[in-house]
């Protein structure tokens, strides 16, 4: 089943993101290589693809897991969590309708 991992950053998270990004991206590449990643990306803090110093306000990942518990465990193990980038992470079942 698909699950949405919806994360909210702490204030001024850009330096924390930069430090933990390689490990965070490596985990996403692993999901992609397993054919389980549907989409992933950050939410710019301003209305721009490249927010510069404004940074990001959070992230969205949609991926396939065997259960909500497995998705939650995966989300809890994210390097952004241990680096203090995220102040809140919610994992919900997701039903893709379109496209």
Protein backbone atom coordinates (compact mmCIF):
# COMPACT_ATOMS: atom_id res chain seq x y z
CA UNK A 1 0.00 0.00 0.00
CA UNK A 2 1.08 3.59 -0.51
CA UNK A 3 1.84 5.91 2.40
CA UNK A 4 2.43 9.65 2.56
CA UNK A 5 5.19 10.86 4.85
CA UNK A 6 4.44 14.50 5.58
CA UNK A 7 7.17 16.33 7.46
CA UNK A 8 7.38 19.83 8.90
CA UNK A 9 10.77 21.50 9.38
CA UNK A 10 12.02 23.38 12.40
CA UNK A 11 12.74 27.06 11.87
CA UNK A 12 15.99 27.82 10.05
CA UNK A 13 16.46 24.19 9.02
CA UNK A 14 18.62 24.86 5.95
CA UNK A 15 22.02 24.21 7.63
CA UNK A 16 20.69 21.03 9.26
CA UNK A 17 19.26 19.86 5.93
CA UNK A 18 22.57 20.44 4.16
CA UNK A 19 24.46 18.33 6.68
CA UNK A 20 22.06 15.36 6.61
CA UNK A 21 21.02 15.55 2.93
CA UNK A 22 23.42 12.93 1.47
CA UNK A 23 22.15 10.22 3.84
CA UNK A 24 18.53 11.32 3.39
CA UNK A 25 18.83 11.18 -0.41
CA UNK A 26 20.59 7.78 -0.27
CA UNK A 27 17.56 6.31 1.53
CA UNK A 28 15.23 7.74 -1.12
CA UNK A 29 17.42 6.30 -3.88
CA UNK A 30 17.15 2.89 -2.19
CA UNK A 31 13.33 3.11 -2.25
CA UNK A 32 13.48 4.22 -5.88
CA UNK A 33 15.78 1.36 -6.82
CA UNK A 34 13.32 -1.07 -5.19
CA UNK A 35 10.50 0.42 -7.28
CA UNK A 36 8.68 1.67 -4.17
CA UNK A 37 9.13 5.46 -4.43
CA UNK A 38 6.28 7.36 -6.10
CA UNK A 39 7.47 10.90 -5.39
CA UNK A 40 9.58 12.86 -2.95
CA UNK A 41 10.56 16.46 -2.45
CA UNK A 42 10.70 19.44 -0.15
CA UNK A 43 8.20 22.27 0.30
CA UNK A 44 9.97 25.58 -0.47
CA UNK A 45 9.36 28.13 2.28
CA UNK A 46 8.61 30.76 -0.38
CA UNK A 47 6.83 30.62 -3.72
CA UNK A 48 9.90 29.63 -5.75
CA UNK A 49 11.51 26.42 -6.98
CA UNK A 50 14.86 27.63 -5.61
CA UNK A 51 14.04 29.34 -2.29
CA UNK A 52 17.62 30.36 -1.50
CA UNK A 53 18.17 31.34 2.12
CA UNK A 54 14.42 31.03 2.84
CA UNK A 55 14.94 27.26 2.73
CA UNK A 56 12.19 24.73 3.10
CA UNK A 57 9.19 24.31 5.39
CA UNK A 58 8.94 20.51 5.15
CA UNK A 59 8.86 17.51 2.84
CA UNK A 60 6.50 15.05 1.21
CA UNK A 61 7.36 11.45 0.37
CA UNK A 62 4.89 8.99 -1.13
CA UNK A 63 6.15 5.41 -1.19
CA UNK A 64 5.01 1.82 -0.96
CA UNK A 65 5.36 -0.11 2.29
CA UNK A 66 3.85 -3.37 3.55
CA UNK A 67 2.11 -1.65 6.47
CA UNK A 68 1.58 1.62 8.27
CA UNK A 69 3.91 0.38 11.01
CA UNK A 70 6.67 -0.26 8.46
CA UNK A 71 6.17 3.17 6.89
CA UNK A 72 6.27 4.82 10.31
CA UNK A 73 9.44 2.95 11.26
CA UNK A 74 11.07 4.01 7.98
CA UNK A 75 10.05 7.64 8.57
CA UNK A 76 11.30 7.58 12.16
CA UNK A 77 14.70 6.40 10.93
CA UNK A 78 15.17 9.25 8.45
CA UNK A 79 18.48 11.12 8.84
CA UNK A 80 16.53 14.39 8.84
CA UNK A 81 14.78 13.21 12.01
CA UNK A 82 18.01 12.40 13.83
CA UNK A 83 19.61 15.65 12.58
CA UNK A 84 16.74 17.70 14.02
CA UNK A 85 15.48 18.98 10.65
CA UNK A 86 11.90 17.88 11.27
CA UNK A 87 9.77 19.08 14.15
CA UNK A 88 6.84 16.90 13.15
CA UNK A 89 6.34 13.86 10.92
CA UNK A 90 2.95 12.37 10.05
CA UNK A 91 2.57 9.08 8.16
CA UNK A 92 -0.79 8.35 6.54
CA UNK A 93 -2.13 5.76 4.13
CA UNK A 94 -2.37 7.23 0.64
CA UNK A 95 -4.62 6.22 -2.23
CA UNK A 96 -3.37 7.34 -5.62
CA UNK A 97 -6.27 8.23 -7.91
CA UNK A 98 -4.65 10.35 -10.64
CA UNK A 99 -2.82 10.30 -12.93
